[in-house]
Protein backbone atom coordinates (compact mmCIF):
# COMPACT_ATOMS: atom_id res chain seq x y z
CA MET A 1 93.23 74.95 145.27
CA ARG A 2 95.97 75.97 142.86
CA VAL A 3 97.43 72.64 141.75
CA LEU A 4 100.49 71.74 139.69
CA VAL A 5 100.54 68.33 138.00
CA THR A 6 103.84 67.19 136.51
CA GLY A 7 103.32 64.60 133.81
CA GLY A 8 99.87 65.95 133.04
CA SER A 9 100.00 64.62 129.47
CA GLY A 10 100.58 61.04 130.62
CA PHE A 11 98.24 58.10 131.11
CA VAL A 12 97.43 58.87 134.75
CA GLY A 13 98.06 62.60 134.42
CA ARG A 14 95.31 63.18 131.85
CA ARG A 15 92.74 61.51 134.10
CA LEU A 16 94.00 63.38 137.14
CA LEU A 17 93.65 66.75 135.38
CA GLU A 18 90.02 65.91 134.55
CA ALA A 19 89.25 64.89 138.14
CA LEU A 20 90.84 67.99 139.67
CA ARG A 21 89.14 70.38 137.25
CA ALA A 22 85.81 68.65 137.82
CA ARG A 23 86.01 69.48 141.53
CA GLY A 24 86.89 73.12 140.81
CA ASP A 25 90.65 73.25 141.34
CA ASP A 26 92.78 75.74 139.42
CA VAL A 27 95.04 73.24 137.66
CA ILE A 28 98.35 73.82 135.87
CA SER A 29 99.81 70.93 133.92
CA ALA A 30 103.53 70.61 133.18
CA ALA A 31 104.82 68.05 130.68
CA PRO A 32 107.43 67.61 127.95
CA SER A 33 106.66 70.12 125.19
CA ARG A 34 104.62 68.77 122.29
CA GLY A 35 103.96 72.08 120.60
CA ASP A 36 100.66 72.82 122.38
CA ASP A 37 99.57 75.38 124.95
CA GLU A 38 97.81 72.97 127.32
CA HIS A 39 100.94 72.13 129.33
CA LEU A 40 103.81 74.22 130.65
CA PRO A 41 106.95 72.81 128.99
CA LEU A 42 108.78 70.68 131.54
CA ASP A 43 112.28 69.22 131.29
CA LEU A 44 113.12 67.39 134.52
CA THR A 45 116.80 67.23 133.56
CA ASP A 46 117.01 71.06 133.58
CA PRO A 47 116.94 72.56 137.11
CA GLU A 48 116.32 76.10 135.80
CA ASN A 49 113.31 74.92 133.81
CA VAL A 50 111.90 73.07 136.83
CA ARG A 51 112.39 76.14 139.02
CA ALA A 52 110.68 78.37 136.42
CA VAL A 53 107.68 76.03 136.19
CA VAL A 54 107.20 76.09 139.97
CA GLU A 55 107.62 79.88 140.13
CA MET A 56 105.07 80.33 137.35
CA ALA A 57 102.54 77.93 138.89
CA ARG A 58 102.98 78.97 142.56
CA PRO A 59 101.07 75.83 143.62
CA GLU A 60 99.40 75.02 146.91
CA LEU A 61 99.43 71.33 145.92
CA VAL A 62 101.73 69.38 143.60
CA PHE A 63 101.23 65.92 142.11
CA HIS A 64 104.61 64.72 140.87
CA LEU A 65 103.75 62.09 138.27
CA ALA A 66 106.32 62.90 135.57
CA ALA A 67 108.85 60.09 135.18
CA GLN A 68 110.46 57.60 132.86
CA SER A 69 108.11 54.78 133.86
CA PHE A 70 108.70 51.93 131.38
CA VAL A 71 110.83 49.26 133.09
CA PRO A 72 112.45 47.81 129.91
CA ARG A 73 113.49 51.34 128.90
CA ALA A 74 115.01 51.85 132.37
CA VAL A 75 116.99 48.62 132.02
CA GLU A 76 118.16 49.73 128.59
CA ALA A 77 119.04 53.30 129.61
CA PRO A 78 119.53 53.52 133.40
CA LEU A 79 121.39 56.84 133.42
CA GLU A 80 118.61 58.53 131.46
CA THR A 81 116.11 57.11 133.95
CA PHE A 82 118.12 58.37 136.93
CA ARG A 83 118.47 61.84 135.39
CA VAL A 84 114.71 62.12 134.94
CA ASN A 85 113.41 60.25 137.97
CA VAL A 86 116.05 61.05 140.60
CA ASP A 87 117.70 64.31 139.56
CA GLY A 88 114.35 65.65 138.32
CA THR A 89 112.71 64.90 141.65
CA ALA A 90 115.57 66.61 143.50
CA TYR A 91 115.21 69.70 141.30
CA LEU A 92 111.47 69.82 141.99
CA LEU A 93 111.96 69.42 145.74
CA GLU A 94 114.49 72.24 145.81
CA ALA A 95 112.15 74.50 143.84
CA LEU A 96 109.31 73.72 146.24
CA ARG A 97 111.57 74.35 149.25
CA ALA A 98 112.33 77.80 147.87
CA GLN A 99 108.64 78.67 147.61
CA ILE A 100 107.67 80.55 150.77
CA ASP A 101 104.08 81.54 150.07
CA PRO A 102 102.08 79.44 149.72
CA LYS A 103 103.89 76.50 151.33
CA PRO A 104 103.06 73.62 148.98
CA ARG A 105 101.94 70.08 149.70
CA LEU A 106 103.40 67.31 147.52
CA LEU A 107 102.12 63.91 146.46
CA PHE A 108 105.01 61.88 145.06
CA ALA A 109 103.92 59.04 142.79
CA SER A 110 106.23 56.13 143.55
CA SER A 111 105.80 52.50 142.54
CA ALA A 112 105.34 49.07 144.10
CA GLU A 113 108.40 48.09 142.04
CA VAL A 114 110.45 49.38 144.99
CA TYR A 115 109.52 46.26 146.98
CA GLY A 116 111.32 43.99 144.52
CA PRO A 117 110.89 40.19 144.49
CA ARG A 118 109.46 38.94 147.78
CA PRO A 119 108.69 35.51 149.28
CA GLN A 120 105.11 34.43 149.73
CA ALA A 121 105.49 35.05 153.47
CA ASP A 122 105.72 38.81 152.76
CA MET A 123 102.38 38.90 150.90
CA PRO A 124 100.39 41.05 150.91
CA LEU A 125 103.09 43.69 150.71
CA ARG A 126 102.87 46.35 153.40
CA GLU A 127 104.45 49.77 153.61
CA THR A 128 106.59 48.67 156.58
CA LEU A 129 108.69 46.38 154.35
CA PRO A 130 112.06 47.93 153.39
CA PRO A 131 112.56 48.61 149.67
CA ARG A 132 114.59 46.04 147.71
CA PRO A 133 114.64 47.46 144.16
CA ALA A 134 115.61 44.90 141.53
CA ASN A 135 115.87 47.07 138.40
CA PRO A 136 116.94 50.64 137.56
CA TYR A 137 113.36 51.93 137.45
CA ALA A 138 112.65 50.57 140.92
CA ALA A 139 115.95 51.99 142.16
CA SER A 140 115.07 55.41 140.77
CA LYS A 141 111.72 55.40 142.55
CA ALA A 142 113.26 54.22 145.83
CA ALA A 143 115.77 57.06 145.54
CA GLY A 144 112.95 59.50 144.84
CA GLU A 145 111.13 58.35 147.97
CA ALA A 146 114.30 58.84 150.02
CA LEU A 147 114.70 62.37 148.67
CA VAL A 148 111.09 63.27 149.47
CA LEU A 149 111.39 61.95 153.01
CA GLY A 150 114.73 63.71 153.42
CA TYR A 151 113.15 67.05 152.48
CA HIS A 152 110.18 66.34 154.72
CA HIS A 153 112.33 65.67 157.78
CA SER A 154 115.04 68.28 157.09
CA TYR A 155 112.97 71.18 155.77
CA GLY A 156 109.42 70.43 156.88
CA LEU A 157 108.16 69.82 153.34
CA ASP A 158 104.54 68.63 153.51
CA ALA A 159 104.73 65.46 151.42
CA VAL A 160 102.89 62.16 150.96
CA ILE A 161 104.21 59.16 149.01
CA SER A 162 101.99 56.78 147.04
CA ARG A 163 103.23 53.35 145.95
CA ALA A 164 100.99 52.37 143.08
CA PHE A 165 100.77 48.76 141.96
CA ASN A 166 99.85 47.86 138.36
CA HIS A 167 97.30 50.26 136.94
CA ILE A 168 95.45 49.77 133.68
CA GLY A 169 92.80 51.46 131.57
CA ALA A 170 91.88 52.86 128.20
CA GLY A 171 94.60 55.09 126.80
CA GLN A 172 97.57 53.29 128.34
CA ASP A 173 100.73 53.04 126.25
CA PRO A 174 100.60 49.73 124.30
CA ARG A 175 104.14 48.97 125.46
CA PHE A 176 102.57 47.89 128.77
CA ALA A 177 101.40 44.28 128.92
CA VAL A 178 97.61 44.51 129.29
CA SER A 179 97.29 47.28 126.72
CA ALA A 180 99.64 45.33 124.43
CA PHE A 181 97.43 42.23 124.71
CA ALA A 182 94.35 44.27 123.80
CA HIS A 183 95.96 45.98 120.81
CA ARG A 184 97.29 42.71 119.44
CA LEU A 185 93.90 41.04 119.86
CA ALA A 186 92.24 43.96 118.06
CA ARG A 187 94.59 43.35 115.13
CA VAL A 188 93.72 39.64 115.22
CA ALA A 189 90.02 40.55 115.12
CA ALA A 190 90.71 42.83 112.14
CA GLY A 191 92.41 39.97 110.29
CA GLU A 192 95.83 41.62 110.45
CA GLU A 193 97.47 39.00 112.70
CA ARG A 194 96.89 35.38 113.71
CA ALA A 195 99.10 34.80 116.75
CA LEU A 196 99.83 36.63 119.97
CA ASN A 197 103.35 36.50 121.43
CA VAL A 198 103.45 36.83 125.22
CA GLY A 199 105.99 36.91 128.02
CA ASN A 200 105.51 35.27 131.43
CA VAL A 201 101.75 34.84 131.78
CA GLU A 202 102.11 32.91 135.06
CA SER A 203 103.15 36.02 137.00
CA GLU A 204 100.53 37.51 139.34
CA ARG A 205 99.80 41.19 139.69
CA ASP A 206 97.59 43.54 141.70
CA PHE A 207 95.57 45.58 139.18
CA LEU A 208 93.64 48.83 139.61
CA ASP A 209 91.79 50.83 136.98
CA VAL A 210 93.40 54.21 136.33
CA ARG A 211 90.23 55.94 137.56
CA ASP A 212 90.64 54.29 140.96
CA VAL A 213 94.32 55.23 141.01
CA VAL A 214 93.40 58.86 140.39
CA SER A 215 90.75 58.86 143.13
CA ALA A 216 93.33 57.37 145.52
CA TYR A 217 95.86 60.09 144.66
CA VAL A 218 93.28 62.81 145.26
CA ALA A 219 92.22 61.21 148.55
CA LEU A 220 95.86 61.03 149.69
CA ALA A 221 96.48 64.65 148.70
CA ASP A 222 93.45 65.66 150.78
CA ARG A 223 93.77 63.34 153.78
CA GLY A 224 97.10 61.48 153.69
CA ALA A 225 99.43 62.03 156.64
CA SER A 226 102.55 64.04 155.84
CA GLY A 227 105.74 61.98 155.72
CA GLU A 228 103.85 58.70 155.23
CA VAL A 229 103.90 56.08 152.47
CA TYR A 230 100.71 54.44 151.18
CA ASN A 231 100.11 51.48 148.91
CA VAL A 232 97.64 52.16 146.10
CA CYS A 233 96.30 48.74 145.15
CA SER A 234 93.29 46.42 145.15
CA GLY A 235 94.63 43.79 147.55
CA ALA A 236 93.93 40.97 145.06
CA ALA A 237 96.40 39.08 142.84
CA VAL A 238 95.43 38.10 139.29
CA LYS A 239 97.51 35.96 136.94
CA MET A 240 98.48 37.52 133.63
CA ARG A 241 97.10 34.33 132.05
CA GLU A 242 93.67 35.18 133.50
CA ILE A 243 93.90 38.74 132.16
CA LEU A 244 94.73 37.35 128.73
CA ARG A 245 91.90 34.80 128.92
CA ARG A 246 89.37 37.52 129.75
CA LEU A 247 90.58 39.72 126.91
CA VAL A 248 90.37 36.83 124.44
CA ASN A 249 86.78 36.21 125.57
CA ILE A 250 85.95 39.91 125.20
CA ALA A 251 87.47 39.94 121.71
CA GLY A 252 85.64 36.76 120.76
CA VAL A 253 88.27 35.67 118.25
CA PRO A 254 90.35 32.48 117.91
CA VAL A 255 94.02 33.23 118.50
CA GLU A 256 97.22 31.25 118.87
CA ILE A 257 99.14 32.16 122.04
CA ARG A 258 102.93 31.84 121.77
CA GLU A 259 105.37 32.32 124.63
CA ASP A 260 108.28 34.47 123.51
CA PRO A 261 111.51 34.35 125.59
CA ALA A 262 112.42 37.79 124.23
CA LEU A 263 109.48 39.23 126.18
CA MET A 264 110.61 37.75 129.50
CA ARG A 265 112.23 40.14 131.99
CA ALA A 266 115.49 39.02 133.57
CA THR A 267 114.26 40.44 136.90
CA GLU A 268 110.62 39.39 136.56
CA ILE A 269 108.69 39.46 139.85
CA SER A 270 106.56 36.33 139.97
CA ARG A 271 103.93 37.64 142.40
CA ALA A 272 103.11 41.08 143.74
CA VAL A 273 99.99 41.89 145.72
CA GLY A 274 99.64 44.81 148.09
CA ASP A 275 97.77 45.61 151.27
CA PRO A 276 95.62 48.74 150.80
CA SER A 277 94.34 48.86 154.39
CA LYS A 278 96.45 51.88 155.42
CA LEU A 279 95.12 53.90 152.46
CA LYS A 280 91.54 52.84 153.19
CA ARG A 281 91.84 53.50 156.91
CA THR A 282 93.35 56.95 156.45
CA THR A 283 91.24 58.29 153.59
CA GLY A 284 88.10 56.15 153.32
CA TRP A 285 89.03 55.33 149.72
CA SER A 286 87.95 52.11 148.06
CA PRO A 287 88.17 50.94 144.42
CA ARG A 288 85.01 51.24 142.35
CA VAL A 289 85.86 49.95 138.85
CA GLU A 290 85.57 46.20 138.32
CA LEU A 291 88.42 44.45 136.50
CA GLY A 292 86.07 43.19 133.79
CA ASP A 293 84.78 46.70 133.08
CA SER A 294 88.33 48.00 132.84
CA LEU A 295 89.34 45.25 130.40
CA ARG A 296 86.30 45.92 128.22
CA ASP A 297 87.22 49.62 128.08
CA ILE A 298 90.81 48.77 127.17
CA TYR A 299 89.78 46.44 124.36
CA ALA A 300 87.18 48.87 122.97
CA GLU A 301 89.82 51.60 122.84
CA ALA A 302 92.26 49.22 121.12
CA VAL A 303 89.63 48.38 118.48
CA ARG A 304 89.04 52.08 117.82
CA GLY A 305 92.78 52.63 117.48
CA THR A 306 93.15 49.73 115.06
CA ALA A 307 90.26 51.01 112.94
CA SER A 308 91.72 54.54 112.85
CA ALA A 309 95.12 53.20 111.78
CA ARG A 310 93.52 51.58 108.72
CA LEU A 311 91.94 54.86 107.54
């Protein structure tokens, strides 16, 4: 198929491009310009640019991954986040609506953040729960979902929505917690630091390796029902403290752990675990990468990055 991936230069996007090309798809990546020829330059705040990208790609299938995805940045700059995540999604939907031949299929990458804080009685989180976004990022993704469903019902756009829970893996931005832990521990192992400042390590999250996230997206693009929402998750909750403990064991270094109030989110969700049964039932997907293997990959990549920075 001829496939357009927005956000192809990102953490998930890079892996998705590899997976699609490996199966023989004709893949076009669109991402913010970095002075290379690998990606079509994409500015989601510019409707003419978005329209030109779609017209140039003429896709049969679109994965819309491009977004401002860092929650603290969204809290700091909500209007910027809405311009990229909400307006940008609307511009893409309008460009896809205008494409007559071929009629494209869309996978919209949303987030489990749309569920917001939930009582234990709601766990595991299912797609039937109404969104209760508790921060600007979550609000932007809930709005994006509403736009996609609006275009599906009003214009017949063939679209599937994925709600991914926490995904991790080598190459993730070190602003995100698990990658940050690994990079800090690599600096401790290199003798550059002694202590590790952390936020709320009692919170529980549902983690998937990025490779499993990508395989879920591809499965949903192939077999997901149009107009439906699917959780992309493992179905198991793990405390951040346990993630940190495993990484410390992998690093094999003594380290002082310090809780830092500055790293605590005002709208921190204490527990989030999803139910992946709808995804599994519809597509036959199941996760393949063990958490321990993912953490070892993340730490090994952090060590390589620390060594390169010293050269």
